[in-house]
Amino acid sequence: MAEIKDNELILTDENGKEIITEVLFTYENEERNKKYVFFVDPNDDENVIAMIYNDEGELFPIEDD
């Protein structure tokens, strides 16, 4: 699960541990009806991670270009 608030994306791993990441920006593509979030882990800010998210707080990998 994930929660976006105040430029933070709070991830919960399989052990229940929360990981707070920094949201760079979000983007909604109306043609594809998908929402994207771009974020970095504060401990590794050199790698930007992009994922699809929904209103229920679920994250999904991006599988197409």
N, C-alpha and C. Protein backbone atom coordinates (compact mmCIF):
# COMPACT_ATOMS: atom_id res chain seq x y z
N MET A 1 0.84 -1.18 0.00
CA MET A 1 0.00 0.00 0.00
C MET A 1 0.88 1.24 0.00
N ALA A 2 0.28 2.33 -0.42
CA ALA A 2 1.01 3.59 -0.48
C ALA A 2 0.04 4.74 -0.21
N GLU A 3 0.60 5.82 0.28
CA GLU A 3 -0.19 7.01 0.56
C GLU A 3 0.63 8.22 0.12
N ILE A 4 0.02 9.09 -0.70
CA ILE A 4 0.69 10.31 -1.14
C ILE A 4 0.12 11.47 -0.35
N LYS A 5 1.01 12.23 0.31
CA LYS A 5 0.58 13.44 1.01
C LYS A 5 1.77 14.35 1.22
N ASP A 6 1.54 15.64 1.03
CA ASP A 6 2.56 16.66 1.29
C ASP A 6 3.91 16.33 0.65
N ASN A 7 3.90 16.00 -0.64
CA ASN A 7 5.12 15.68 -1.39
C ASN A 7 5.88 14.48 -0.83
N GLU A 8 5.19 13.61 -0.13
CA GLU A 8 5.78 12.37 0.36
C GLU A 8 4.92 11.20 -0.11
N LEU A 9 5.60 10.13 -0.44
CA LEU A 9 4.93 8.88 -0.74
C LEU A 9 5.35 7.92 0.35
N ILE A 10 4.39 7.47 1.12
CA ILE A 10 4.68 6.57 2.23
C ILE A 10 4.34 5.16 1.77
N LEU A 11 5.38 4.34 1.66
CA LEU A 11 5.23 2.96 1.24
C LEU A 11 5.25 2.06 2.46
N THR A 12 4.49 0.99 2.42
CA THR A 12 4.51 0.00 3.48
C THR A 12 4.96 -1.31 2.87
N ASP A 13 6.08 -1.85 3.38
CA ASP A 13 6.59 -3.11 2.82
C ASP A 13 5.82 -4.29 3.40
N GLU A 14 6.21 -5.49 2.98
CA GLU A 14 5.50 -6.71 3.38
C GLU A 14 5.62 -7.00 4.87
N ASN A 15 6.59 -6.36 5.55
CA ASN A 15 6.75 -6.54 6.99
C ASN A 15 6.06 -5.45 7.81
N GLY A 16 5.37 -4.54 7.12
CA GLY A 16 4.67 -3.46 7.80
C GLY A 16 5.52 -2.24 8.08
N LYS A 17 6.77 -2.25 7.62
CA LYS A 17 7.66 -1.11 7.83
C LYS A 17 7.34 -0.01 6.83
N GLU A 18 7.24 1.23 7.32
CA GLU A 18 6.96 2.38 6.46
C GLU A 18 8.26 2.94 5.90
N ILE A 19 8.24 3.25 4.62
CA ILE A 19 9.36 3.86 3.94
C ILE A 19 8.85 5.18 3.36
N ILE A 20 9.45 6.29 3.76
CA ILE A 20 9.01 7.61 3.30
C ILE A 20 9.91 8.04 2.16
N THR A 21 9.29 8.30 1.00
CA THR A 21 10.02 8.74 -0.17
C THR A 21 9.56 10.15 -0.53
N GLU A 22 10.33 10.83 -1.37
CA GLU A 22 10.00 12.19 -1.79
C GLU A 22 9.36 12.16 -3.17
N VAL A 23 8.14 12.70 -3.29
CA VAL A 23 7.45 12.77 -4.57
C VAL A 23 8.01 13.95 -5.36
N LEU A 24 8.46 13.67 -6.57
CA LEU A 24 8.94 14.74 -7.45
C LEU A 24 7.76 15.39 -8.16
N PHE A 25 6.88 14.56 -8.72
CA PHE A 25 5.64 15.05 -9.31
C PHE A 25 4.72 13.89 -9.64
N THR A 26 3.46 14.21 -9.87
CA THR A 26 2.48 13.24 -10.33
C THR A 26 1.96 13.70 -11.68
N TYR A 27 1.44 12.77 -12.44
CA TYR A 27 0.95 13.06 -13.79
C TYR A 27 -0.23 12.16 -14.08
N GLU A 28 -1.29 12.74 -14.62
CA GLU A 28 -2.46 11.95 -15.00
C GLU A 28 -2.61 11.99 -16.51
N ASN A 29 -2.60 10.82 -17.14
CA ASN A 29 -2.77 10.71 -18.57
C ASN A 29 -4.22 10.32 -18.84
N GLU A 30 -4.99 11.27 -19.32
CA GLU A 30 -6.42 11.03 -19.54
C GLU A 30 -6.68 10.06 -20.68
N GLU A 31 -5.80 10.06 -21.71
CA GLU A 31 -5.96 9.13 -22.83
C GLU A 31 -5.90 7.68 -22.37
N ARG A 32 -4.96 7.39 -21.49
CA ARG A 32 -4.76 6.02 -20.99
C ARG A 32 -5.52 5.77 -19.70
N ASN A 33 -6.10 6.81 -19.14
CA ASN A 33 -6.82 6.72 -17.87
C ASN A 33 -5.92 6.14 -16.77
N LYS A 34 -4.69 6.69 -16.69
CA LYS A 34 -3.73 6.23 -15.69
C LYS A 34 -3.10 7.42 -14.98
N LYS A 35 -2.73 7.20 -13.72
CA LYS A 35 -2.04 8.19 -12.91
C LYS A 35 -0.63 7.69 -12.63
N TYR A 36 0.34 8.58 -12.76
CA TYR A 36 1.74 8.22 -12.55
C TYR A 36 2.31 9.04 -11.40
N VAL A 37 3.21 8.44 -10.66
CA VAL A 37 3.92 9.14 -9.60
C VAL A 37 5.41 8.90 -9.82
N PHE A 38 6.19 9.98 -9.70
CA PHE A 38 7.64 9.94 -9.86
C PHE A 38 8.23 10.31 -8.51
N PHE A 39 9.08 9.45 -7.96
CA PHE A 39 9.58 9.68 -6.61
C PHE A 39 11.00 9.17 -6.44
N VAL A 40 11.64 9.62 -5.36
CA VAL A 40 13.00 9.16 -5.02
C VAL A 40 13.03 8.77 -3.55
N ASP A 41 13.88 7.82 -3.25
CA ASP A 41 14.16 7.44 -1.88
C ASP A 41 15.19 8.44 -1.35
N PRO A 42 14.94 9.11 -0.22
CA PRO A 42 15.91 10.08 0.30
C PRO A 42 17.29 9.50 0.55
N ASN A 43 17.39 8.19 0.73
CA ASN A 43 18.68 7.55 0.94
C ASN A 43 19.39 7.23 -0.38
N ASP A 44 18.69 7.36 -1.50
CA ASP A 44 19.25 7.09 -2.82
C ASP A 44 18.59 8.02 -3.82
N ASP A 45 18.89 9.33 -3.72
CA ASP A 45 18.20 10.32 -4.54
C ASP A 45 18.72 10.42 -5.97
N GLU A 46 19.60 9.50 -6.38
CA GLU A 46 20.09 9.50 -7.75
C GLU A 46 19.19 8.71 -8.70
N ASN A 47 18.34 7.85 -8.16
CA ASN A 47 17.47 7.01 -8.98
C ASN A 47 16.01 7.44 -8.82
N VAL A 48 15.44 7.91 -9.93
CA VAL A 48 14.02 8.27 -9.93
C VAL A 48 13.21 7.02 -10.23
N ILE A 49 12.17 6.81 -9.45
CA ILE A 49 11.29 5.66 -9.63
C ILE A 49 9.94 6.19 -10.14
N ALA A 50 9.40 5.56 -11.16
CA ALA A 50 8.10 5.94 -11.70
C ALA A 50 7.18 4.73 -11.62
N MET A 51 5.96 4.96 -11.14
CA MET A 51 4.98 3.88 -11.03
C MET A 51 3.59 4.43 -11.33
N ILE A 52 2.69 3.53 -11.64
CA ILE A 52 1.28 3.86 -11.80
C ILE A 52 0.63 3.70 -10.43
N TYR A 53 -0.33 4.58 -10.11
CA TYR A 53 -1.05 4.43 -8.85
C TYR A 53 -2.54 4.61 -9.08
N ASN A 54 -3.34 4.11 -8.14
CA ASN A 54 -4.79 4.30 -8.22
C ASN A 54 -5.29 4.98 -6.95
N ASP A 55 -6.59 5.25 -6.90
CA ASP A 55 -7.18 5.96 -5.77
C ASP A 55 -7.19 5.14 -4.48
N GLU A 56 -6.97 3.84 -4.58
CA GLU A 56 -6.95 2.98 -3.40
C GLU A 56 -5.56 2.89 -2.77
N GLY A 57 -4.58 3.58 -3.36
CA GLY A 57 -3.24 3.56 -2.80
C GLY A 57 -2.39 2.39 -3.25
N GLU A 58 -2.79 1.76 -4.34
CA GLU A 58 -2.01 0.65 -4.88
C GLU A 58 -1.04 1.17 -5.93
N LEU A 59 0.17 0.65 -5.92
CA LEU A 59 1.18 1.00 -6.92
C LEU A 59 1.38 -0.17 -7.86
N PHE A 60 1.65 0.15 -9.14
CA PHE A 60 1.85 -0.86 -10.15
C PHE A 60 3.06 -0.47 -11.01
N PRO A 61 3.84 -1.46 -11.45
CA PRO A 61 4.96 -1.13 -12.33
C PRO A 61 4.46 -0.64 -13.69
N ILE A 62 5.27 0.17 -14.33
CA ILE A 62 4.96 0.62 -15.69
C ILE A 62 5.50 -0.44 -16.63
N GLU A 63 4.61 -1.01 -17.43
CA GLU A 63 5.01 -2.12 -18.27
C GLU A 63 5.13 -1.77 -19.73
N ASP A 64 4.82 -0.55 -20.11
CA ASP A 64 4.96 -0.14 -21.51
C ASP A 64 5.74 1.16 -21.60
N ASP A 65 6.17 1.49 -22.80
CA ASP A 65 6.93 2.72 -23.01
C ASP A 65 6.00 3.89 -22.96
